[in-house]
Amino acid sequence: MLASTQGWRIYTKIRHAKRLKIGVQKFKLLSLSLTPVSNIVLSLGNFSSSTFIISQIKVDAYTRDGQLLAEQTTPLAQPFTLNPNQNSALPLSFAINATTVISALKAIGGLSTVAANFLTSGTYGLPIVLKGFVEAENIQIPIEESLTI
C-alpha cells in the first residue's frame, strides 16, 4: 500500500511538472541609441496544484532559424519554492550575441520596423524560441517555447 501511494505521488508530480511554463517578463535587446544590451527577465509559472522546489534552470534564446540570440551565463544561485498557481521572476544573467541580434532585427524589417513595433505595441515583433530545461524535484522538464517579443 505504501509503495502504491508513493508511486501515485511520483506520477502526480511528473504529470504536474509538465504544467510548469516559461515566459518572458522583459526582453530588452536594444538601448534607446539602438545599441545591443542585455536586459532579460524570464518567469516560471506553475499551473498545477503541486508545490515544486526548483533546483536548476537553463534557458537560452534562439531565432526561429536556430541562431543563438542570448545565452544564460550563470546557473540558478539557489533553489526556490514555486507554489501552486504562482508565477516567479527568475534571477538569471544573459549574454547576447550582438551580430545575431542585429541580423534578426534586419530580417523582420530593420530598425525602423522594430522601432515602430516597439512604440505601438511595446514589443519588437521578433519571433524567438526559448530552449533549455527546468529541474524541479529531480524531474528535468525540457523547455522549447516559441514566442514573439
Protein backbone atom coordinates (compact mmCIF):
# COMPACT_ATOMS: atom_id res chain seq x y z
CA MET A 1 0.00 0.00 0.00
CA LEU A 2 2.82 2.41 0.91
CA ALA A 3 4.61 1.70 -2.38
CA SER A 4 1.47 2.41 -4.40
CA THR A 5 0.86 5.67 -2.52
CA GLN A 6 4.46 6.77 -3.13
CA GLY A 7 4.18 5.73 -6.78
CA TRP A 8 0.99 7.78 -7.17
CA ARG A 9 2.72 10.84 -5.66
CA ILE A 10 5.63 10.50 -8.09
CA TYR A 11 3.24 10.04 -11.03
CA THR A 12 1.29 13.16 -9.97
CA LYS A 13 4.48 15.24 -9.60
CA ILE A 14 5.66 14.21 -13.07
CA ARG A 15 2.25 14.99 -14.57
CA HIS A 16 2.08 18.36 -12.79
CA ALA A 17 5.68 19.19 -13.75
CA LYS A 18 4.51 19.34 -17.36
CA ARG A 19 2.39 22.34 -16.30
CA LEU A 20 5.42 24.48 -15.50
CA LYS A 21 5.65 27.17 -18.19
CA ILE A 22 8.47 29.56 -19.01
CA GLY A 23 7.61 33.09 -20.01
CA VAL A 24 9.18 36.46 -20.65
CA GLN A 25 8.53 39.40 -18.32
CA LYS A 26 11.08 41.66 -20.00
CA PHE A 27 13.26 41.16 -23.05
CA LYS A 28 15.20 44.26 -23.99
CA LEU A 29 17.82 43.84 -26.68
CA LEU A 30 18.36 47.45 -27.75
CA SER A 31 19.00 50.66 -25.87
CA LEU A 32 17.48 53.97 -26.95
CA SER A 33 20.63 54.57 -29.01
CA LEU A 34 19.91 51.24 -30.79
CA THR A 35 22.98 49.51 -29.36
CA PRO A 36 22.59 45.91 -28.13
CA VAL A 37 22.02 45.49 -24.37
CA SER A 38 21.10 42.52 -22.22
CA ASN A 39 18.06 43.16 -20.07
CA ILE A 40 16.16 39.91 -19.97
CA VAL A 41 13.78 38.78 -17.22
CA LEU A 42 12.18 35.37 -17.58
CA SER A 43 9.40 33.98 -15.42
CA LEU A 44 8.34 30.49 -14.46
CA GLY A 45 4.67 29.76 -13.92
CA ASN A 46 3.24 26.82 -12.01
CA PHE A 47 -0.15 25.97 -13.50
CA SER A 48 -0.71 22.99 -11.22
CA SER A 49 -1.85 22.22 -7.70
CA SER A 50 1.59 20.92 -6.68
CA THR A 51 4.40 22.82 -4.97
CA PHE A 52 7.82 22.45 -6.61
CA ILE A 53 11.34 23.16 -5.42
CA ILE A 54 13.15 24.48 -8.48
CA SER A 55 16.80 23.45 -8.16
CA GLN A 56 18.13 24.50 -11.57
CA ILE A 57 17.16 26.15 -14.81
CA LYS A 58 19.00 26.60 -18.09
CA VAL A 59 17.39 28.68 -20.84
CA ASP A 60 18.85 30.19 -23.99
CA ALA A 61 17.04 32.31 -26.58
CA TYR A 62 17.32 31.49 -30.28
CA THR A 63 15.98 32.93 -33.50
CA ARG A 64 13.37 30.77 -35.23
CA ASP A 65 16.09 29.52 -37.59
CA GLY A 66 18.26 28.35 -34.68
CA GLN A 67 20.81 31.16 -34.23
CA LEU A 68 21.75 31.90 -30.62
CA LEU A 69 20.43 35.33 -29.52
CA ALA A 70 21.01 35.23 -25.77
CA GLU A 71 22.80 32.66 -23.64
CA GLN A 72 22.30 32.17 -19.92
CA THR A 73 25.66 32.89 -18.31
CA THR A 74 25.19 31.80 -14.68
CA PRO A 75 23.28 28.95 -13.08
CA LEU A 76 20.49 29.50 -10.61
CA ALA A 77 22.21 30.69 -7.41
CA GLN A 78 19.97 28.76 -5.02
CA PRO A 79 16.85 26.59 -5.18
CA PHE A 80 13.48 28.27 -4.67
CA THR A 81 9.94 27.12 -3.97
CA LEU A 82 7.28 27.63 -6.61
CA ASN A 83 3.84 27.34 -5.07
CA PRO A 84 0.70 26.22 -6.91
CA ASN A 85 -0.70 28.79 -9.36
CA GLN A 86 2.28 31.08 -8.78
CA ASN A 87 4.47 32.96 -11.24
CA SER A 88 8.06 33.77 -10.27
CA ALA A 89 10.64 36.04 -11.91
CA LEU A 90 13.93 34.24 -12.49
CA PRO A 91 17.18 35.90 -11.35
CA LEU A 92 19.27 34.85 -14.37
CA SER A 93 22.04 36.60 -16.30
CA PHE A 94 22.35 36.52 -20.08
CA ALA A 95 24.97 37.41 -22.68
CA ILE A 96 23.63 38.49 -26.05
CA ASN A 97 25.15 37.86 -29.44
CA ALA A 98 25.08 41.36 -30.95
CA THR A 99 25.69 40.17 -34.51
CA THR A 100 22.79 37.73 -34.36
CA VAL A 101 20.52 40.34 -32.74
CA ILE A 102 21.22 42.86 -35.49
CA SER A 103 20.73 40.32 -38.30
CA ALA A 104 17.50 39.02 -36.69
CA LEU A 105 16.15 42.56 -36.42
CA LYS A 106 17.05 43.22 -40.06
CA ALA A 107 15.21 40.03 -41.02
CA ILE A 108 11.94 41.35 -39.55
CA GLY A 109 12.16 44.65 -41.41
CA GLY A 110 15.07 46.58 -39.98
CA LEU A 111 15.38 49.12 -37.22
CA SER A 112 12.56 51.37 -38.46
CA THR A 113 10.08 48.48 -38.32
CA VAL A 114 11.39 47.41 -34.93
CA ALA A 115 11.13 50.98 -33.59
CA ALA A 116 7.57 51.32 -34.94
CA ASN A 117 6.59 47.97 -33.40
CA PHE A 118 8.10 48.97 -30.06
CA LEU A 119 6.40 52.38 -30.00
CA THR A 120 2.97 51.00 -30.93
CA SER A 121 2.91 47.67 -29.08
CA GLY A 122 5.82 47.69 -26.61
CA THR A 123 7.36 44.66 -28.35
CA TYR A 124 9.97 44.28 -31.07
CA GLY A 125 7.91 41.87 -33.15
CA LEU A 126 10.86 39.46 -33.07
CA PRO A 127 9.98 35.74 -33.04
CA ILE A 128 12.23 33.75 -30.68
CA VAL A 129 12.46 30.25 -29.27
CA LEU A 130 13.42 29.61 -25.64
CA LYS A 131 15.20 26.27 -25.24
CA GLY A 132 16.60 24.56 -22.19
CA PHE A 133 15.35 22.78 -19.09
CA VAL A 134 13.99 23.25 -15.59
CA GLU A 135 14.89 20.84 -12.82
CA ALA A 136 12.14 20.53 -10.24
CA GLU A 137 12.12 17.87 -7.53
CA ASN A 138 14.70 15.81 -9.50
CA ILE A 139 12.44 15.91 -12.56
CA GLN A 140 14.01 17.50 -15.62
CA ILE A 141 11.42 19.31 -17.75
CA PRO A 142 12.52 20.29 -21.25
CA ILE A 143 11.76 23.83 -22.43
CA GLU A 144 11.04 24.69 -26.04
CA GLU A 145 8.75 27.70 -26.15
CA SER A 146 8.15 29.82 -29.27
CA LEU A 147 7.02 33.39 -28.73
CA THR A 148 7.27 36.88 -30.12
CA ILE A 149 8.95 39.60 -28.11
